[in-house]
N, C-alpha and C. Protein backbone atom coordinates (compact mmCIF):
# COMPACT_ATOMS: atom_id res chain seq x y z
N MET A 1 16.83 -38.82 75.85
CA MET A 1 17.06 -38.02 74.71
C MET A 1 16.90 -36.56 75.10
N ASN A 2 17.89 -35.77 74.70
CA ASN A 2 17.84 -34.33 74.98
C ASN A 2 17.25 -33.62 73.78
N THR A 3 16.30 -32.80 74.01
CA THR A 3 15.69 -32.00 72.96
C THR A 3 16.01 -30.56 73.21
N LYS A 4 16.57 -29.94 72.19
CA LYS A 4 16.88 -28.53 72.30
C LYS A 4 16.02 -27.79 71.30
N THR A 5 15.56 -26.68 71.68
CA THR A 5 14.76 -25.85 70.79
C THR A 5 15.53 -24.59 70.46
N LEU A 6 15.34 -24.15 69.27
CA LEU A 6 16.00 -22.94 68.82
C LEU A 6 14.95 -21.87 68.72
N ASN A 7 15.11 -20.86 69.48
CA ASN A 7 14.16 -19.74 69.46
C ASN A 7 14.63 -18.70 68.45
N ILE A 8 13.82 -18.47 67.44
CA ILE A 8 14.12 -17.47 66.42
C ILE A 8 13.10 -16.36 66.55
N ASN A 9 13.57 -15.16 66.55
CA ASN A 9 12.69 -14.02 66.66
C ASN A 9 12.28 -13.61 65.24
N TYR A 10 11.14 -14.13 64.80
CA TYR A 10 10.67 -13.86 63.45
C TYR A 10 10.25 -12.40 63.26
N HIS A 11 9.83 -11.77 64.28
CA HIS A 11 9.35 -10.40 64.17
C HIS A 11 10.47 -9.47 63.72
N ASP A 12 11.65 -9.63 64.27
CA ASP A 12 12.76 -8.76 63.89
C ASP A 12 13.28 -9.11 62.49
N MET A 13 13.34 -10.40 62.18
CA MET A 13 13.94 -10.82 60.93
C MET A 13 12.97 -10.65 59.74
N ASN A 14 11.74 -11.07 59.86
CA ASN A 14 10.80 -11.06 58.75
C ASN A 14 10.31 -9.67 58.42
N GLY A 15 10.31 -8.78 59.32
CA GLY A 15 9.81 -7.44 59.06
C GLY A 15 10.62 -6.75 57.98
N SER A 16 11.92 -6.74 58.09
CA SER A 16 12.75 -6.05 57.11
C SER A 16 12.83 -6.83 55.80
N ASN A 17 12.87 -8.15 55.86
CA ASN A 17 12.92 -8.96 54.64
C ASN A 17 11.61 -8.86 53.86
N PHE A 18 10.52 -8.84 54.56
CA PHE A 18 9.21 -8.75 53.90
C PHE A 18 9.07 -7.41 53.19
N ILE A 19 9.45 -6.35 53.87
CA ILE A 19 9.35 -5.02 53.25
C ILE A 19 10.28 -4.92 52.05
N THR A 20 11.49 -5.44 52.17
CA THR A 20 12.43 -5.43 51.05
C THR A 20 11.88 -6.24 49.88
N ALA A 21 11.33 -7.40 50.16
CA ALA A 21 10.76 -8.24 49.10
C ALA A 21 9.60 -7.53 48.42
N MET A 22 8.76 -6.88 49.20
CA MET A 22 7.61 -6.17 48.62
C MET A 22 8.06 -4.99 47.76
N VAL A 23 9.06 -4.25 48.21
CA VAL A 23 9.57 -3.12 47.43
C VAL A 23 10.16 -3.62 46.11
N VAL A 24 10.94 -4.69 46.17
CA VAL A 24 11.53 -5.25 44.95
C VAL A 24 10.43 -5.76 44.02
N LEU A 25 9.43 -6.42 44.59
CA LEU A 25 8.31 -6.93 43.78
C LEU A 25 7.57 -5.79 43.11
N PHE A 26 7.27 -4.73 43.83
CA PHE A 26 6.57 -3.58 43.24
C PHE A 26 7.42 -2.90 42.17
N LEU A 27 8.72 -2.82 42.38
CA LEU A 27 9.59 -2.24 41.36
C LEU A 27 9.60 -3.09 40.09
N VAL A 28 9.70 -4.40 40.26
CA VAL A 28 9.69 -5.30 39.09
C VAL A 28 8.35 -5.20 38.37
N LEU A 29 7.26 -5.20 39.13
CA LEU A 29 5.94 -5.09 38.50
C LEU A 29 5.76 -3.74 37.81
N GLY A 30 6.28 -2.67 38.41
CA GLY A 30 6.20 -1.35 37.79
C GLY A 30 6.96 -1.28 36.49
N VAL A 31 8.17 -1.84 36.48
CA VAL A 31 8.96 -1.86 35.25
C VAL A 31 8.27 -2.71 34.18
N ALA A 32 7.73 -3.85 34.58
CA ALA A 32 7.02 -4.71 33.62
C ALA A 32 5.79 -4.00 33.07
N TYR A 33 5.06 -3.28 33.91
CA TYR A 33 3.88 -2.54 33.47
C TYR A 33 4.26 -1.46 32.46
N ILE A 34 5.30 -0.70 32.77
CA ILE A 34 5.74 0.36 31.86
C ILE A 34 6.20 -0.24 30.53
N TYR A 35 6.93 -1.35 30.57
CA TYR A 35 7.39 -2.00 29.35
C TYR A 35 6.21 -2.48 28.51
N LEU A 36 5.24 -3.12 29.15
CA LEU A 36 4.10 -3.66 28.40
C LEU A 36 3.23 -2.55 27.81
N VAL A 37 3.02 -1.47 28.54
CA VAL A 37 2.25 -0.35 28.01
C VAL A 37 3.00 0.29 26.84
N ASN A 38 4.30 0.47 26.98
CA ASN A 38 5.11 1.04 25.91
C ASN A 38 5.06 0.16 24.66
N THR A 39 5.19 -1.14 24.84
CA THR A 39 5.13 -2.07 23.71
C THR A 39 3.77 -2.03 23.04
N THR A 40 2.71 -1.96 23.83
CA THR A 40 1.36 -1.90 23.27
C THR A 40 1.17 -0.64 22.45
N VAL A 41 1.61 0.49 22.96
CA VAL A 41 1.49 1.75 22.22
C VAL A 41 2.30 1.68 20.93
N PHE A 42 3.50 1.13 21.00
CA PHE A 42 4.33 1.01 19.81
C PHE A 42 3.67 0.13 18.75
N LEU A 43 3.09 -1.01 19.16
CA LEU A 43 2.46 -1.91 18.20
C LEU A 43 1.18 -1.33 17.62
N VAL A 44 0.42 -0.58 18.42
CA VAL A 44 -0.78 0.08 17.89
C VAL A 44 -0.38 1.12 16.85
N ASN A 45 0.68 1.86 17.12
CA ASN A 45 1.17 2.85 16.16
C ASN A 45 1.67 2.17 14.88
N ALA A 46 2.38 1.06 15.01
CA ALA A 46 2.86 0.33 13.84
C ALA A 46 1.70 -0.21 13.02
N ARG A 47 0.65 -0.68 13.69
CA ARG A 47 -0.52 -1.19 12.96
C ARG A 47 -1.21 -0.06 12.21
N SER A 48 -1.31 1.10 12.83
CA SER A 48 -1.93 2.25 12.17
C SER A 48 -1.13 2.65 10.94
N ASP A 49 0.20 2.66 11.06
CA ASP A 49 1.05 2.98 9.91
C ASP A 49 0.87 1.94 8.79
N ALA A 50 0.77 0.67 9.17
CA ALA A 50 0.60 -0.38 8.17
C ALA A 50 -0.75 -0.25 7.46
N GLU A 51 -1.80 0.10 8.20
CA GLU A 51 -3.10 0.29 7.58
C GLU A 51 -3.08 1.49 6.63
N ASP A 52 -2.39 2.56 7.02
CA ASP A 52 -2.26 3.72 6.13
C ASP A 52 -1.50 3.34 4.87
N GLY A 53 -0.44 2.56 5.02
CA GLY A 53 0.32 2.10 3.85
C GLY A 53 -0.52 1.22 2.95
N GLY A 54 -1.36 0.37 3.55
CA GLY A 54 -2.26 -0.47 2.76
C GLY A 54 -3.27 0.35 1.99
N SER A 55 -3.79 1.39 2.62
CA SER A 55 -4.74 2.27 1.93
C SER A 55 -4.06 2.98 0.77
N GLN A 56 -2.83 3.41 0.97
CA GLN A 56 -2.10 4.08 -0.10
C GLN A 56 -1.84 3.12 -1.26
N ILE A 57 -1.47 1.90 -0.96
CA ILE A 57 -1.24 0.91 -2.01
C ILE A 57 -2.53 0.60 -2.76
N GLU A 58 -3.65 0.51 -2.04
CA GLU A 58 -4.93 0.26 -2.70
C GLU A 58 -5.31 1.40 -3.64
N SER A 59 -5.05 2.64 -3.23
CA SER A 59 -5.38 3.76 -4.11
C SER A 59 -4.46 3.77 -5.33
N GLU A 60 -3.18 3.45 -5.16
CA GLU A 60 -2.28 3.36 -6.31
C GLU A 60 -2.70 2.24 -7.25
N LEU A 61 -3.16 1.12 -6.69
CA LEU A 61 -3.63 0.01 -7.50
C LEU A 61 -4.87 0.40 -8.29
N ALA A 62 -5.77 1.16 -7.67
CA ALA A 62 -6.96 1.62 -8.37
C ALA A 62 -6.59 2.52 -9.54
N LEU A 63 -5.59 3.38 -9.35
CA LEU A 63 -5.12 4.23 -10.46
C LEU A 63 -4.52 3.40 -11.59
N LEU A 64 -3.74 2.39 -11.24
CA LEU A 64 -3.15 1.53 -12.26
C LEU A 64 -4.22 0.74 -13.01
N GLU A 65 -5.25 0.27 -12.29
CA GLU A 65 -6.34 -0.44 -12.96
C GLU A 65 -7.08 0.48 -13.92
N THR A 66 -7.28 1.73 -13.51
CA THR A 66 -7.95 2.69 -14.39
C THR A 66 -7.12 2.94 -15.64
N GLU A 67 -5.80 3.10 -15.48
CA GLU A 67 -4.93 3.29 -16.64
C GLU A 67 -4.96 2.07 -17.55
N TYR A 68 -4.98 0.88 -16.95
CA TYR A 68 -5.01 -0.35 -17.74
C TYR A 68 -6.30 -0.45 -18.54
N LEU A 69 -7.42 -0.15 -17.90
CA LEU A 69 -8.69 -0.24 -18.61
C LEU A 69 -8.79 0.80 -19.72
N SER A 70 -8.27 1.99 -19.48
CA SER A 70 -8.30 3.01 -20.54
C SER A 70 -7.37 2.62 -21.68
N ALA A 71 -6.22 2.03 -21.38
CA ALA A 71 -5.32 1.58 -22.44
C ALA A 71 -5.92 0.41 -23.20
N GLN A 72 -6.64 -0.45 -22.49
CA GLN A 72 -7.26 -1.60 -23.13
C GLN A 72 -8.37 -1.16 -24.08
N SER A 73 -9.10 -0.13 -23.73
CA SER A 73 -10.17 0.35 -24.61
C SER A 73 -9.60 1.07 -25.82
N ALA A 74 -8.34 1.51 -25.75
CA ALA A 74 -7.71 2.19 -26.88
C ALA A 74 -7.22 1.20 -27.93
N ILE A 75 -7.15 -0.08 -27.59
CA ILE A 75 -6.68 -1.09 -28.55
C ILE A 75 -7.87 -1.50 -29.41
N ASP A 76 -7.78 -1.18 -30.70
CA ASP A 76 -8.83 -1.56 -31.64
C ASP A 76 -8.16 -2.14 -32.88
N LEU A 77 -8.98 -2.51 -33.87
CA LEU A 77 -8.46 -3.19 -35.05
C LEU A 77 -7.44 -2.36 -35.82
N PRO A 78 -7.67 -1.09 -36.10
CA PRO A 78 -6.63 -0.33 -36.81
C PRO A 78 -5.32 -0.23 -36.03
N PHE A 79 -5.40 -0.15 -34.71
CA PHE A 79 -4.20 -0.05 -33.88
C PHE A 79 -3.35 -1.32 -34.01
N VAL A 80 -3.99 -2.49 -33.89
CA VAL A 80 -3.23 -3.74 -33.93
C VAL A 80 -2.74 -4.03 -35.34
N LEU A 81 -3.51 -3.68 -36.36
CA LEU A 81 -3.04 -3.90 -37.73
C LEU A 81 -1.83 -3.02 -38.02
N ALA A 82 -1.80 -1.82 -37.45
CA ALA A 82 -0.66 -0.93 -37.65
C ALA A 82 0.59 -1.46 -36.97
N HIS A 83 0.43 -2.32 -35.96
CA HIS A 83 1.58 -2.87 -35.24
C HIS A 83 1.97 -4.26 -35.74
N GLY A 84 1.45 -4.68 -36.89
CA GLY A 84 1.92 -5.91 -37.50
C GLY A 84 1.10 -7.15 -37.23
N PHE A 85 0.02 -7.06 -36.50
CA PHE A 85 -0.82 -8.23 -36.28
C PHE A 85 -1.70 -8.44 -37.51
N ILE A 86 -2.16 -9.68 -37.69
CA ILE A 86 -3.05 -9.96 -38.81
C ILE A 86 -4.39 -10.42 -38.27
N GLU A 87 -5.40 -10.26 -39.09
CA GLU A 87 -6.75 -10.63 -38.68
C GLU A 87 -6.92 -12.13 -38.80
N ALA A 88 -7.58 -12.75 -37.84
CA ALA A 88 -7.81 -14.19 -37.86
C ALA A 88 -8.88 -14.52 -38.89
N PRO A 89 -8.74 -15.68 -39.56
CA PRO A 89 -9.78 -16.08 -40.51
C PRO A 89 -11.12 -16.27 -39.79
N LYS A 90 -12.21 -16.00 -40.52
CA LYS A 90 -13.54 -16.06 -39.90
C LYS A 90 -13.95 -17.48 -39.55
N ASP A 91 -13.49 -18.47 -40.31
CA ASP A 91 -13.95 -19.84 -40.09
C ASP A 91 -13.12 -20.60 -39.06
N SER A 92 -12.06 -20.04 -38.56
CA SER A 92 -11.22 -20.78 -37.62
C SER A 92 -11.56 -20.40 -36.19
N THR A 93 -11.60 -21.42 -35.38
CA THR A 93 -11.84 -21.21 -33.96
C THR A 93 -10.56 -21.46 -33.17
N PHE A 94 -9.73 -22.36 -33.64
CA PHE A 94 -8.52 -22.74 -32.94
C PHE A 94 -7.31 -22.49 -33.83
N ALA A 95 -6.19 -22.33 -33.22
CA ALA A 95 -4.93 -22.23 -33.96
C ALA A 95 -4.30 -23.61 -34.00
N TYR A 96 -3.96 -24.08 -35.20
CA TYR A 96 -3.39 -25.41 -35.37
C TYR A 96 -1.94 -25.30 -35.80
N ARG A 97 -1.18 -26.31 -35.45
CA ARG A 97 0.20 -26.41 -35.87
C ARG A 97 0.34 -27.73 -36.60
N PRO A 98 1.01 -27.71 -37.73
CA PRO A 98 1.13 -28.98 -38.47
C PRO A 98 1.95 -29.98 -37.65
N LYS A 99 1.48 -31.22 -37.67
CA LYS A 99 2.13 -32.28 -36.91
C LYS A 99 3.30 -32.83 -37.72
N LEU A 100 4.44 -32.97 -37.08
CA LEU A 100 5.61 -33.55 -37.72
C LEU A 100 5.50 -35.06 -37.74
N GLN A 101 6.22 -35.70 -38.67
CA GLN A 101 6.19 -37.16 -38.73
C GLN A 101 6.82 -37.75 -37.48
N ASN A 102 6.26 -38.85 -37.03
CA ASN A 102 6.73 -39.59 -35.85
C ASN A 102 6.78 -38.71 -34.60
N GLN A 103 5.88 -37.78 -34.52
CA GLN A 103 5.84 -36.91 -33.33
C GLN A 103 4.78 -37.42 -32.37
N GLU A 104 5.19 -37.60 -31.15
CA GLU A 104 4.24 -38.00 -30.11
C GLU A 104 3.40 -36.80 -29.71
N PRO A 105 2.18 -37.04 -29.29
CA PRO A 105 1.38 -35.89 -28.82
C PRO A 105 2.01 -35.29 -27.57
N ALA A 106 1.92 -33.98 -27.48
CA ALA A 106 2.52 -33.28 -26.34
C ALA A 106 1.78 -33.59 -25.05
N LEU A 107 0.48 -33.72 -25.16
CA LEU A 107 -0.33 -34.05 -23.99
C LEU A 107 -1.05 -35.36 -24.25
N SER A 108 -1.08 -36.20 -23.27
CA SER A 108 -1.82 -37.45 -23.43
C SER A 108 -2.47 -37.80 -22.11
N LEU A 109 -3.62 -38.39 -22.21
CA LEU A 109 -4.33 -38.87 -21.03
C LEU A 109 -4.25 -40.38 -21.03
N ARG A 110 -3.48 -40.93 -20.15
CA ARG A 110 -3.31 -42.38 -20.12
C ARG A 110 -3.91 -42.94 -18.87
């Protein structure tokens, strides 16, 4: 059996390929780093804007609650009587509706 060996000069071939691979790798990592830092800064800025918007909405809600409470305290008996409401009888606790003949109860527990 004849055995032949192939002599490859790795020093000449791997030197340039290794350097090229490392340069490409560093370029890819650099671009990825810049992209990730840019995305992080963008998302932090968006979160800050969202928190500011939330604070603004909370302050507007507080103003609306204050207006509601002041309007609610302005409603008294003369105000509602002037708008057509009637006073409830003193002895009634519930509002009743007369039952029609052959009417099933609206709610039942079976």
